[in-house]
Amino acid sequence: MELSLICYDAANERTQMLASVEELAGREKTAGVTWINVECLDKPEEVTRLAEMFGIHPLTLEDILDPNHQRPKIEEFDNYLFIALKAVNISGELDLEHIGLVITEDTVLTFQEKPGDCFDGIRKRIKENTGRIRRMGTDFLAYRIIDTVVDEYFLSIDAFGSEIEEFEDRAMDEKDETFIRDLQHVKRKLLKLRRAIWPLRESISLMMRLESKLISGEMGPFLKDVYDNIIQAAETVETYRELIAGIMEVNLSAASNRLNKVMKMLTIISTIFIPLNFLAGVYGMNFNFMPELDFAPAYFIVLSVMVSVGVGMLLFFKRRKWI
């Protein structure tokens, strides 16, 4: 488990890596905002100790330590707000990471399921005192964290857009045997991303309506902005899912069309051979008294008739535009 501490106000900033939760116990309370970030929850006893220090409810602690079965949500308690959300990692397979966000009056605690995150931009803003983050409270820091996670959604959505363009080019390729399997794989990843985005939309909507002392009135426009971004991301995901369904239909239609062409050709061949088989069957009967058996050119006459029938049927099909 990695534990970092960032304390800041309009005038000062201090970043510190901590070896254990116990180092927080003797820490003097400072003015401004404190951001405690926990990466990799492999020491539940340390996380439990941290939760006890900040009066975090056992149910919230359970949500933090058991991320696999949690969906994005927001819960209000007497002394803090808890927000659960999913961060996305698009390196290789689509990987969702559970993040627990606890907002108190002067402290924000973030609990990350895995090491590494996308919050370096926020840390840089705090360190260099750019933007308004050093002048704002914990609610603005929480907003910046959520907004950064939502920005990562758009990066993954852009990657999906590139993949879908490739599938549009592959849809008509009859030799592409892995097309359906690959397309289904992308469809499952989009569904996974959708499950992360849609519940977060509900959480931010509820956060905008909360009458909590931890969310100041000036946060309204910022929350509205991140809410609009989530709606845009959700709509784009739905659009891509519809595109995938359309691409799959195009591929199936192309395959069906190719099959129809093959069946059409086989039907024409079978139809031509019906009268030829009739003639061959008649003259293949082993009767002793058939007038044509003793006629010398009979064989060549029958072959000529069979060729004429075949050519005539081909010309007839061509004239009717069946071939």
Protein backbone atom coordinates (compact mmCIF):
# COMPACT_ATOMS: atom_id res chain seq x y z
CA MET A 1 0.00 0.00 0.00
CA GLU A 2 1.28 3.46 -0.93
CA LEU A 3 0.16 6.46 1.10
CA SER A 4 0.67 10.07 0.03
CA LEU A 5 -0.29 13.33 1.70
CA ILE A 6 -0.76 16.72 0.07
CA CYS A 7 -1.61 19.76 2.20
CA TYR A 8 -2.24 23.11 0.58
CA ASP A 9 -3.86 26.51 0.83
CA ALA A 10 -3.59 29.68 -1.23
CA ALA A 11 -0.09 30.40 0.07
CA ASN A 12 1.56 27.05 0.78
CA GLU A 13 1.78 23.47 -0.46
CA ARG A 14 3.41 20.38 0.99
CA THR A 15 3.64 16.88 -0.48
CA GLN A 16 4.76 13.93 1.60
CA MET A 17 4.99 10.17 1.13
CA LEU A 18 4.03 8.27 4.29
CA ALA A 19 5.31 4.89 5.40
CA SER A 20 2.21 3.99 7.40
CA VAL A 21 -1.11 5.31 8.62
CA GLU A 22 0.38 5.86 12.08
CA GLU A 23 2.29 8.86 10.75
CA LEU A 24 -1.05 10.58 10.28
CA ALA A 25 -2.05 10.03 13.88
CA GLY A 26 0.46 12.51 15.31
CA ARG A 27 0.07 15.03 12.53
CA GLU A 28 -0.85 18.56 13.51
CA LYS A 29 -4.03 19.86 11.94
CA THR A 30 -3.22 22.40 9.24
CA ALA A 31 -5.27 25.08 7.58
CA GLY A 32 -6.49 24.61 4.04
CA VAL A 33 -7.16 21.32 2.27
CA THR A 34 -5.60 17.93 2.91
CA TRP A 35 -5.58 15.23 0.24
CA ILE A 36 -4.75 11.72 1.42
CA ASN A 37 -4.32 9.24 -1.39
CA VAL A 38 -4.16 5.48 -0.82
CA GLU A 39 -2.97 3.29 -3.69
CA CYS A 40 -3.29 -0.50 -3.76
CA LEU A 41 -5.56 -1.77 -0.97
CA ASP A 42 -3.45 -4.80 -0.10
CA LYS A 43 -3.30 -3.96 3.63
CA PRO A 44 -6.91 -3.86 4.83
CA GLU A 45 -5.86 -3.38 8.47
CA GLU A 46 -4.12 -0.12 7.51
CA VAL A 47 -7.15 1.04 5.54
CA THR A 48 -9.38 0.17 8.49
CA ARG A 49 -7.16 2.18 10.83
CA LEU A 50 -7.32 5.17 8.47
CA ALA A 51 -11.11 4.88 8.28
CA GLU A 52 -11.36 4.85 12.06
CA MET A 53 -9.23 8.01 12.30
CA PHE A 54 -11.70 9.91 10.09
CA GLY A 55 -14.89 8.36 11.45
CA ILE A 56 -15.77 6.52 8.26
CA HIS A 57 -18.80 4.25 8.61
CA PRO A 58 -18.18 0.46 8.46
CA LEU A 59 -20.49 0.18 5.43
CA THR A 60 -18.38 2.72 3.57
CA LEU A 61 -15.25 0.84 4.59
CA GLU A 62 -16.80 -2.34 3.21
CA ASP A 63 -17.48 -0.59 -0.11
CA ILE A 64 -13.86 0.58 -0.23
CA LEU A 65 -12.31 -2.80 0.54
CA ASP A 66 -14.65 -4.84 -1.69
CA PRO A 67 -14.47 -2.98 -5.02
CA ASN A 68 -15.44 -5.83 -7.34
CA HIS A 69 -19.14 -5.70 -6.56
CA GLN A 70 -19.54 -1.93 -6.33
CA ARG A 71 -21.21 0.32 -8.86
CA PRO A 72 -20.70 4.09 -9.05
CA LYS A 73 -22.79 5.80 -6.37
CA ILE A 74 -22.89 8.65 -3.84
CA GLU A 75 -23.83 8.38 -0.17
CA GLU A 76 -24.26 11.17 2.37
CA PHE A 77 -23.26 10.72 6.01
CA ASP A 78 -23.21 13.13 8.95
CA ASN A 79 -19.60 14.19 8.57
CA TYR A 80 -18.64 13.17 5.03
CA LEU A 81 -19.75 12.30 1.52
CA PHE A 82 -18.75 9.02 -0.09
CA ILE A 83 -18.50 8.73 -3.88
CA ALA A 84 -17.66 5.48 -5.64
CA LEU A 85 -16.64 5.64 -9.29
CA LYS A 86 -14.77 3.63 -11.91
CA ALA A 87 -11.60 4.87 -13.55
CA VAL A 88 -10.70 3.44 -16.93
CA ASN A 89 -7.38 2.15 -18.21
CA ILE A 90 -7.16 1.54 -21.97
CA SER A 91 -3.67 0.08 -22.18
CA GLY A 92 -4.42 -3.22 -23.91
CA GLU A 93 -7.67 -4.60 -22.53
CA LEU A 94 -10.25 -2.21 -21.11
CA ASP A 95 -9.55 -2.23 -17.38
CA LEU A 96 -11.82 -0.56 -14.83
CA GLU A 97 -10.43 0.49 -11.47
CA HIS A 98 -12.64 1.17 -8.48
CA ILE A 99 -12.00 4.49 -6.73
CA GLY A 100 -13.51 5.45 -3.38
CA LEU A 101 -13.73 9.16 -2.66
CA VAL A 102 -14.41 10.46 0.86
CA ILE A 103 -15.05 14.21 1.22
CA THR A 104 -14.93 15.86 4.64
CA GLU A 105 -14.87 19.51 5.59
CA ASP A 106 -11.10 19.86 5.26
CA THR A 107 -9.88 16.51 3.87
CA VAL A 108 -10.34 14.43 0.75
CA LEU A 109 -9.41 10.75 0.92
CA THR A 110 -9.04 8.73 -2.27
CA PHE A 111 -8.79 4.94 -2.16
CA GLN A 112 -7.47 3.38 -5.36
CA GLU A 113 -7.70 -0.30 -6.12
CA LYS A 114 -4.41 -0.42 -8.07
CA PRO A 115 -1.12 1.48 -8.08
CA GLY A 116 -0.78 4.38 -10.49
CA ASP A 117 -3.47 6.88 -11.50
CA CYS A 118 -4.36 9.72 -13.84
CA PHE A 119 -4.22 12.49 -11.23
CA ASP A 120 -0.72 13.83 -11.96
CA GLY A 121 -2.28 16.85 -13.66
CA ILE A 122 -4.11 17.74 -10.44
CA ARG A 123 -0.94 17.33 -8.39
CA LYS A 124 0.92 19.58 -10.82
CA ARG A 125 -1.74 22.28 -10.56
CA ILE A 126 -1.54 22.15 -6.78
CA LYS A 127 2.26 22.28 -6.76
CA GLU A 128 2.55 25.09 -9.29
CA ASN A 129 -0.52 26.95 -7.97
CA THR A 130 -2.16 27.18 -11.39
CA GLY A 131 -5.88 27.58 -11.81
CA ARG A 132 -8.19 28.04 -8.86
CA ILE A 133 -7.63 24.77 -7.03
CA ARG A 134 -5.43 26.25 -4.26
CA ARG A 135 -8.08 28.87 -3.50
CA MET A 136 -10.97 26.41 -3.31
CA GLY A 137 -12.09 23.79 -0.79
CA THR A 138 -12.40 20.04 -0.66
CA ASP A 139 -15.49 20.05 -2.88
CA PHE A 140 -13.49 21.56 -5.75
CA LEU A 141 -10.69 19.01 -5.31
CA ALA A 142 -13.30 16.23 -5.45
CA TYR A 143 -14.74 17.80 -8.60
CA ARG A 144 -11.28 17.89 -10.23
CA ILE A 145 -10.74 14.21 -9.41
CA ILE A 146 -14.12 13.22 -10.88
CA ASP A 147 -13.60 15.43 -13.93
CA THR A 148 -10.20 13.82 -14.58
CA VAL A 149 -11.77 10.35 -14.44
CA VAL A 150 -14.46 11.48 -16.91
CA ASP A 151 -11.78 12.89 -19.25
CA GLU A 152 -10.19 9.42 -19.28
CA TYR A 153 -13.55 8.04 -20.45
CA PHE A 154 -13.29 10.21 -23.56
CA LEU A 155 -9.81 8.89 -24.32
CA SER A 156 -11.11 5.33 -24.21
CA ILE A 157 -14.15 6.30 -26.30
CA ASP A 158 -11.85 7.82 -28.95
CA ALA A 159 -9.94 4.53 -29.05
CA PHE A 160 -13.22 2.69 -29.60
CA GLY A 161 -14.02 5.07 -32.46
CA SER A 162 -10.80 4.10 -34.25
CA GLU A 163 -11.56 0.40 -33.78
CA ILE A 164 -15.08 0.79 -35.13
CA GLU A 165 -13.74 2.53 -38.26
CA GLU A 166 -11.54 -0.51 -38.88
CA PHE A 167 -14.54 -2.81 -38.50
CA GLU A 168 -16.46 -0.78 -41.09
CA ASP A 169 -13.65 -1.52 -43.57
CA ARG A 170 -13.59 -5.21 -42.60
CA ALA A 171 -17.35 -5.73 -42.75
CA MET A 172 -17.39 -6.63 -46.47
CA ASP A 173 -14.25 -8.77 -46.43
CA GLU A 174 -15.45 -12.32 -47.00
CA LYS A 175 -12.04 -13.78 -46.09
CA ASP A 176 -11.98 -12.21 -42.59
CA GLU A 177 -12.81 -15.22 -40.45
CA THR A 178 -12.23 -13.44 -37.10
CA PHE A 179 -14.50 -10.48 -37.81
CA ILE A 180 -17.51 -11.54 -35.73
CA ARG A 181 -15.37 -12.65 -32.79
CA ASP A 182 -13.41 -9.39 -32.75
CA LEU A 183 -16.56 -7.31 -33.09
CA GLN A 184 -18.23 -9.12 -30.20
CA HIS A 185 -15.13 -8.47 -28.10
CA VAL A 186 -15.37 -4.72 -28.71
CA LYS A 187 -19.09 -4.85 -28.00
CA ARG A 188 -18.43 -6.43 -24.59
CA LYS A 189 -15.85 -3.75 -23.79
CA LEU A 190 -18.32 -1.01 -24.68
CA LEU A 191 -20.90 -2.60 -22.42
CA LYS A 192 -18.33 -2.66 -19.62
CA LEU A 193 -17.61 1.04 -20.13
CA ARG A 194 -21.31 1.83 -20.23
CA ARG A 195 -21.77 0.21 -16.83
CA ALA A 196 -19.15 2.59 -15.43
CA ILE A 197 -20.57 5.76 -17.03
CA TRP A 198 -24.34 5.56 -16.59
CA PRO A 199 -24.44 5.11 -12.78
CA LEU A 200 -21.93 7.97 -12.39
CA ARG A 201 -24.37 10.20 -14.23
CA GLU A 202 -26.97 9.46 -11.56
CA SER A 203 -24.43 10.12 -8.80
CA ILE A 204 -23.43 13.54 -10.15
CA SER A 205 -27.08 14.44 -10.66
CA LEU A 206 -27.77 13.62 -7.01
CA MET A 207 -24.64 15.51 -5.94
CA MET A 208 -25.96 18.63 -7.69
CA ARG A 209 -29.21 18.41 -5.71
CA LEU A 210 -27.64 17.69 -2.32
CA GLU A 211 -28.17 20.29 0.36
CA SER A 212 -24.91 19.52 2.10
CA LYS A 213 -22.55 21.86 3.90
CA LEU A 214 -19.71 20.00 2.16
CA ILE A 215 -20.85 21.16 -1.30
CA SER A 216 -20.78 24.94 -1.66
CA GLY A 217 -23.20 26.81 -3.88
CA GLU A 218 -20.45 27.98 -6.25
CA MET A 219 -19.82 24.35 -7.23
CA GLY A 220 -23.07 24.27 -9.21
CA PRO A 221 -21.61 25.28 -12.62
CA PHE A 222 -18.64 22.92 -12.23
CA LEU A 223 -20.84 19.94 -11.36
CA LYS A 224 -23.15 20.85 -14.24
CA ASP A 225 -20.16 20.84 -16.58
CA VAL A 226 -18.97 17.39 -15.50
CA TYR A 227 -22.57 16.13 -15.65
CA ASP A 228 -22.86 17.34 -19.26
CA ASN A 229 -19.57 15.60 -20.09
CA ILE A 230 -20.85 12.35 -18.61
CA ILE A 231 -24.05 12.63 -20.65
CA GLN A 232 -21.99 13.22 -23.79
CA ALA A 233 -19.78 10.22 -23.01
CA ALA A 234 -22.82 8.03 -22.34
CA GLU A 235 -24.52 9.10 -25.58
CA THR A 236 -21.35 8.46 -27.56
CA VAL A 237 -21.10 4.96 -26.10
CA GLU A 238 -24.72 4.30 -27.08
CA THR A 239 -24.01 5.60 -30.59
CA TYR A 240 -21.03 3.28 -30.91
CA ARG A 241 -23.10 0.33 -29.73
CA GLU A 242 -25.67 1.11 -32.42
CA LEU A 243 -22.88 1.40 -35.00
CA ILE A 244 -21.55 -2.00 -33.99
CA ALA A 245 -25.03 -3.48 -34.35
CA GLY A 246 -25.29 -1.90 -37.81
CA ILE A 247 -21.84 -3.17 -38.83
CA MET A 248 -22.79 -6.66 -37.70
CA GLU A 249 -25.97 -6.49 -39.78
CA VAL A 250 -23.97 -5.34 -42.82
CA ASN A 251 -21.55 -8.24 -42.37
CA LEU A 252 -24.39 -10.74 -41.98
CA SER A 253 -26.18 -9.27 -45.01
CA ALA A 254 -22.98 -9.53 -47.06
CA ALA A 255 -22.52 -13.14 -45.97
CA SER A 256 -26.16 -13.88 -46.79
CA ASN A 257 -25.77 -12.22 -50.19
CA ARG A 258 -22.68 -14.30 -50.94
CA LEU A 259 -24.56 -17.44 -49.91
CA ASN A 260 -27.50 -16.45 -52.14
CA LYS A 261 -25.15 -16.05 -55.11
CA VAL A 262 -23.68 -19.49 -54.49
CA MET A 263 -27.14 -21.04 -54.13
CA LYS A 264 -28.29 -19.24 -57.26
CA MET A 265 -25.41 -20.66 -59.28
CA LEU A 266 -25.96 -24.17 -57.89
CA THR A 267 -29.67 -23.91 -58.69
CA ILE A 268 -28.94 -22.87 -62.28
CA ILE A 269 -26.50 -25.74 -62.70
CA SER A 270 -29.01 -28.18 -61.25
CA THR A 271 -31.79 -26.84 -63.47
CA ILE A 272 -29.66 -27.24 -66.61
CA PHE A 273 -28.82 -30.82 -65.74
CA ILE A 274 -32.44 -31.86 -65.17
CA PRO A 275 -33.29 -32.30 -68.90
CA LEU A 276 -29.81 -33.64 -69.59
CA ASN A 277 -30.26 -36.28 -66.91
CA PHE A 278 -33.64 -37.11 -68.46
CA LEU A 279 -32.11 -37.69 -71.86
CA ALA A 280 -29.22 -39.67 -70.41
CA GLY A 281 -31.67 -41.71 -68.36
CA VAL A 282 -33.85 -42.54 -71.34
CA TYR A 283 -30.96 -43.66 -73.49
CA GLY A 284 -29.30 -45.42 -70.63
CA MET A 285 -32.15 -47.96 -70.32
CA ASN A 286 -31.18 -51.50 -71.24
CA PHE A 287 -34.02 -52.35 -73.62
CA ASN A 288 -33.29 -54.61 -76.58
CA PHE A 289 -35.74 -52.93 -78.95
CA MET A 290 -34.89 -49.19 -79.01
CA PRO A 291 -35.03 -47.81 -82.60
CA GLU A 292 -32.02 -45.52 -82.09
CA LEU A 293 -29.68 -48.31 -80.92
CA ASP A 294 -28.92 -49.45 -84.43
CA PHE A 295 -28.73 -45.94 -85.89
CA ALA A 296 -25.04 -45.08 -86.36
CA PRO A 297 -25.09 -41.28 -85.74
CA ALA A 298 -27.63 -41.53 -82.85
CA TYR A 299 -24.97 -40.99 -80.17
CA PHE A 300 -23.77 -37.74 -81.74
CA ILE A 301 -27.33 -36.56 -82.29
CA VAL A 302 -28.19 -37.09 -78.60
CA LEU A 303 -25.03 -35.25 -77.50
CA SER A 304 -25.91 -32.39 -79.85
CA VAL A 305 -29.42 -32.23 -78.43
CA MET A 306 -28.04 -32.16 -74.86
CA VAL A 307 -25.59 -29.36 -75.70
CA SER A 308 -28.34 -27.40 -77.44
CA VAL A 309 -30.64 -27.76 -74.44
CA GLY A 310 -27.90 -26.57 -72.07
CA VAL A 311 -26.97 -23.57 -74.24
CA GLY A 312 -30.61 -22.71 -74.80
CA MET A 313 -31.34 -22.70 -71.08
CA LEU A 314 -28.30 -20.51 -70.40
CA LEU A 315 -29.48 -18.01 -73.03
CA PHE A 316 -32.98 -18.07 -71.53
CA PHE A 317 -31.62 -17.38 -68.00
CA LYS A 318 -29.45 -14.58 -69.38
CA ARG A 319 -32.36 -12.97 -71.15
CA ARG A 320 -34.46 -13.06 -67.99
CA LYS A 321 -31.46 -11.53 -66.09
CA TRP A 322 -31.30 -14.44 -63.67
CA ILE A 323 -27.55 -14.67 -64.29
